[in-house]
């Protein structure tokens, strides 16, 4: 497995993990990425809880239900890239790619829980 970078805020159970370089993390790889760090892949409820605690990260991350999403508390440079139909923060934004609108995989991050 390639080198991983992760940042953990002790007040939140959810933390983002990314690979060094430009390689993303696929749906298939994400569970092992979190497991190798002693955690498990977050589900949507975990991400929503982190959002309520103040997680603002405008980068798509893989979740346990094979979706990719990010937590946006306010508009920023990249926060509205996937927000279709005028969806405005604060919200959990799905990362879907046109023209098929399937979830992004690989994604830049995996959201893990300790």
C-alpha atoms as a PDB file:
ATOM      1  CA  UNK A   1       0.000   0.000   0.000  1.00  0.00           C
ATOM      2  CA  UNK A   2       1.327   3.435  -0.888  1.00  0.00           C
ATOM      3  CA  UNK A   3       2.252   5.992   1.743  1.00  0.00           C
ATOM      4  CA  UNK A   4      -0.721   7.510   3.538  1.00  0.00           C
ATOM      5  CA  UNK A   5      -1.180  10.935   5.080  1.00  0.00           C
ATOM      6  CA  UNK A   6      -3.794  11.403   7.763  1.00  0.00           C
ATOM      7  CA  UNK A   7      -4.742  14.231  10.036  1.00  0.00           C
ATOM      8  CA  UNK A   8      -6.663  13.478  13.183  1.00  0.00           C
ATOM      9  CA  UNK A   9      -8.496  15.979  15.337  1.00  0.00           C
ATOM     10  CA  UNK A  10      -8.748  14.420  18.800  1.00  0.00           C
ATOM     11  CA  UNK A  11     -12.240  15.877  19.292  1.00  0.00           C
ATOM     12  CA  UNK A  12     -13.658  14.050  16.236  1.00  0.00           C
ATOM     13  CA  UNK A  13     -13.884  10.333  15.567  1.00  0.00           C
ATOM     14  CA  UNK A  14     -13.798  10.872  11.782  1.00  0.00           C
ATOM     15  CA  UNK A  15     -10.550  11.768  10.059  1.00  0.00           C
ATOM     16  CA  UNK A  16      -9.555  12.102   6.390  1.00  0.00           C
ATOM     17  CA  UNK A  17      -6.812   9.956   4.881  1.00  0.00           C
ATOM     18  CA  UNK A  18      -5.119  10.520   1.549  1.00  0.00           C
ATOM     19  CA  UNK A  19      -2.288   8.932  -0.373  1.00  0.00           C
ATOM     20  CA  UNK A  20       0.918  10.811  -0.992  1.00  0.00           C
ATOM     21  CA  UNK A  21       1.107  12.098  -4.548  1.00  0.00           C
ATOM     22  CA  UNK A  22      -1.880  12.307  -6.856  1.00  0.00           C
ATOM     23  CA  UNK A  23      -3.212   8.763  -6.499  1.00  0.00           C
ATOM     24  CA  UNK A  24      -6.735   8.565  -5.198  1.00  0.00           C
ATOM     25  CA  UNK A  25      -8.367   5.880  -3.073  1.00  0.00           C
ATOM     26  CA  UNK A  26     -10.938   3.582  -4.692  1.00  0.00           C
ATOM     27  CA  UNK A  27     -14.077   2.060  -3.188  1.00  0.00           C
ATOM     28  CA  UNK A  28     -12.289  -1.309  -3.154  1.00  0.00           C
ATOM     29  CA  UNK A  29      -9.156  -0.015  -1.386  1.00  0.00           C
ATOM     30  CA  UNK A  30     -10.778   2.290   1.176  1.00  0.00           C
ATOM     31  CA  UNK A  31     -11.715  -0.299   3.855  1.00  0.00           C
ATOM     32  CA  UNK A  32      -8.121  -1.606   3.994  1.00  0.00           C
ATOM     33  CA  UNK A  33      -6.731   1.943   4.158  1.00  0.00           C
ATOM     34  CA  UNK A  34      -8.712   2.610   7.345  1.00  0.00           C
ATOM     35  CA  UNK A  35      -8.109  -0.852   8.782  1.00  0.00           C
ATOM     36  CA  UNK A  36      -4.336  -0.434   8.379  1.00  0.00           C
ATOM     37  CA  UNK A  37      -4.589   2.663  10.600  1.00  0.00           C
ATOM     38  CA  UNK A  38      -6.545   0.813  13.280  1.00  0.00           C
ATOM     39  CA  UNK A  39      -9.943   2.162  12.256  1.00  0.00           C
ATOM     40  CA  UNK A  40     -12.801   1.490   9.886  1.00  0.00           C
ATOM     41  CA  UNK A  41     -14.354   3.258   6.920  1.00  0.00           C
ATOM     42  CA  UNK A  42     -16.870   5.913   7.988  1.00  0.00           C
ATOM     43  CA  UNK A  43     -20.534   5.758   7.059  1.00  0.00           C
ATOM     44  CA  UNK A  44     -22.761   8.725   6.238  1.00  0.00           C
ATOM     45  CA  UNK A  45     -23.889   9.021   9.886  1.00  0.00           C
ATOM     46  CA  UNK A  46     -20.255   9.298  11.014  1.00  0.00           C
ATOM     47  CA  UNK A  47     -19.614  12.066   8.467  1.00  0.00           C
ATOM     48  CA  UNK A  48     -22.801  13.876   9.522  1.00  0.00           C
ATOM     49  CA  UNK A  49     -21.671  13.740  13.176  1.00  0.00           C
ATOM     50  CA  UNK A  50     -18.265  15.183  12.221  1.00  0.00           C
ATOM     51  CA  UNK A  51     -20.054  17.867  10.194  1.00  0.00           C
ATOM     52  CA  UNK A  52     -22.071  18.852  13.287  1.00  0.00           C
ATOM     53  CA  UNK A  53     -18.770  19.064  15.208  1.00  0.00           C
ATOM     54  CA  UNK A  54     -17.355  21.489  12.648  1.00  0.00           C
ATOM     55  CA  UNK A  55     -15.692  19.397   9.923  1.00  0.00           C
ATOM     56  CA  UNK A  56     -15.188  21.579   6.851  1.00  0.00           C
ATOM     57  CA  UNK A  57     -13.210  19.835   4.135  1.00  0.00           C
ATOM     58  CA  UNK A  58     -14.032  20.500   0.502  1.00  0.00           C
ATOM     59  CA  UNK A  59     -12.441  17.305  -0.780  1.00  0.00           C
ATOM     60  CA  UNK A  60     -14.351  14.213  -1.734  1.00  0.00           C
ATOM     61  CA  UNK A  61     -13.865  11.152   0.431  1.00  0.00           C
ATOM     62  CA  UNK A  62     -14.998   7.545   0.162  1.00  0.00           C
ATOM     63  CA  UNK A  63     -17.628   6.268   2.618  1.00  0.00           C
ATOM     64  CA  UNK A  64     -18.695   2.751   3.591  1.00  0.00           C
ATOM     65  CA  UNK A  65     -21.809   2.753   1.379  1.00  0.00           C
ATOM     66  CA  UNK A  66     -19.636   3.144  -1.767  1.00  0.00           C
ATOM     67  CA  UNK A  67     -20.415   6.815  -2.073  1.00  0.00           C
ATOM     68  CA  UNK A  68     -18.056   9.777  -2.048  1.00  0.00           C
ATOM     69  CA  UNK A  69     -18.997  12.995  -0.258  1.00  0.00           C
ATOM     70  CA  UNK A  70     -17.586  16.019   1.531  1.00  0.00           C
ATOM     71  CA  UNK A  71     -18.606  18.197   4.464  1.00  0.00           C
ATOM     72  CA  UNK A  72     -19.025  21.900   3.702  1.00  0.00           C
ATOM     73  CA  UNK A  73     -19.811  24.450   6.396  1.00  0.00           C
ATOM     74  CA  UNK A  74     -19.410  27.474   4.119  1.00  0.00           C
ATOM     75  CA  UNK A  75     -18.746  28.270   0.466  1.00  0.00           C
ATOM     76  CA  UNK A  76     -15.124  28.220  -0.590  1.00  0.00           C
ATOM     77  CA  UNK A  77     -12.978  27.867  -3.667  1.00  0.00           C
ATOM     78  CA  UNK A  78     -13.877  24.224  -4.366  1.00  0.00           C
ATOM     79  CA  UNK A  79     -16.883  23.756  -2.134  1.00  0.00           C
ATOM     80  CA  UNK A  80     -19.524  24.110  -4.821  1.00  0.00           C
ATOM     81  CA  UNK A  81     -17.898  21.990  -7.546  1.00  0.00           C
ATOM     82  CA  UNK A  82     -20.305  19.097  -6.941  1.00  0.00           C
ATOM     83  CA  UNK A  83     -23.200  21.070  -5.457  1.00  0.00           C
ATOM     84  CA  UNK A  84     -25.835  20.827  -8.164  1.00  0.00           C
ATOM     85  CA  UNK A  85     -29.152  22.614  -8.140  1.00  0.00           C
ATOM     86  CA  UNK A  86     -28.009  25.517  -5.997  1.00  0.00           C
ATOM     87  CA  UNK A  87     -27.208  23.339  -2.981  1.00  0.00           C
ATOM     88  CA  UNK A  88     -25.526  25.589  -0.441  1.00  0.00           C
ATOM     89  CA  UNK A  89     -23.452  24.777   2.644  1.00  0.00           C
ATOM     90  CA  UNK A  90     -23.747  23.881   5.425  1.00  0.00           C
ATOM     91  CA  UNK A  91     -24.378  20.382   4.117  1.00  0.00           C
ATOM     92  CA  UNK A  92     -22.916  17.012   3.178  1.00  0.00           C
ATOM     93  CA  UNK A  93     -22.352  17.136  -0.584  1.00  0.00           C
ATOM     94  CA  UNK A  94     -22.349  14.016  -2.796  1.00  0.00           C
ATOM     95  CA  UNK A  95     -19.462  13.842  -5.282  1.00  0.00           C
ATOM     96  CA  UNK A  96     -21.027  12.660  -8.546  1.00  0.00           C
ATOM     97  CA  UNK A  97     -19.424  12.985 -11.956  1.00  0.00           C
ATOM     98  CA  UNK A  98     -21.330  13.919 -15.107  1.00  0.00           C
ATOM     99  CA  UNK A  99     -22.529  12.690 -17.524  1.00  0.00           C
ATOM    100  CA  UNK A 100     -23.507   9.491 -15.661  1.00  0.00           C
ATOM    101  CA  UNK A 101     -23.607  11.094 -12.201  1.00  0.00           C
ATOM    102  CA  UNK A 102     -21.917   8.116 -10.579  1.00  0.00           C
ATOM    103  CA  UNK A 103     -19.993   8.592  -7.348  1.00  0.00           C
ATOM    104  CA  UNK A 104     -16.344   9.548  -7.738  1.00  0.00           C
ATOM    105  CA  UNK A 105     -13.928   6.619  -7.335  1.00  0.00           C
ATOM    106  CA  UNK A 106     -11.066   6.869  -6.895  1.00  0.00           C
ATOM    107  CA  UNK A 107     -11.556   9.902  -4.688  1.00  0.00           C
ATOM    108  CA  UNK A 108      -8.856  12.092  -3.122  1.00  0.00           C
ATOM    109  CA  UNK A 109      -9.662  10.841   0.409  1.00  0.00           C
ATOM    110  CA  UNK A 110     -11.153   8.099   2.514  1.00  0.00           C
ATOM    111  CA  UNK A 111     -13.018   9.094   5.663  1.00  0.00           C
ATOM    112  CA  UNK A 112     -11.966   6.799   8.515  1.00  0.00           C
ATOM    113  CA  UNK A 113     -13.162   6.396  12.101  1.00  0.00           C
ATOM    114  CA  UNK A 114     -11.106   5.482  15.167  1.00  0.00           C
END
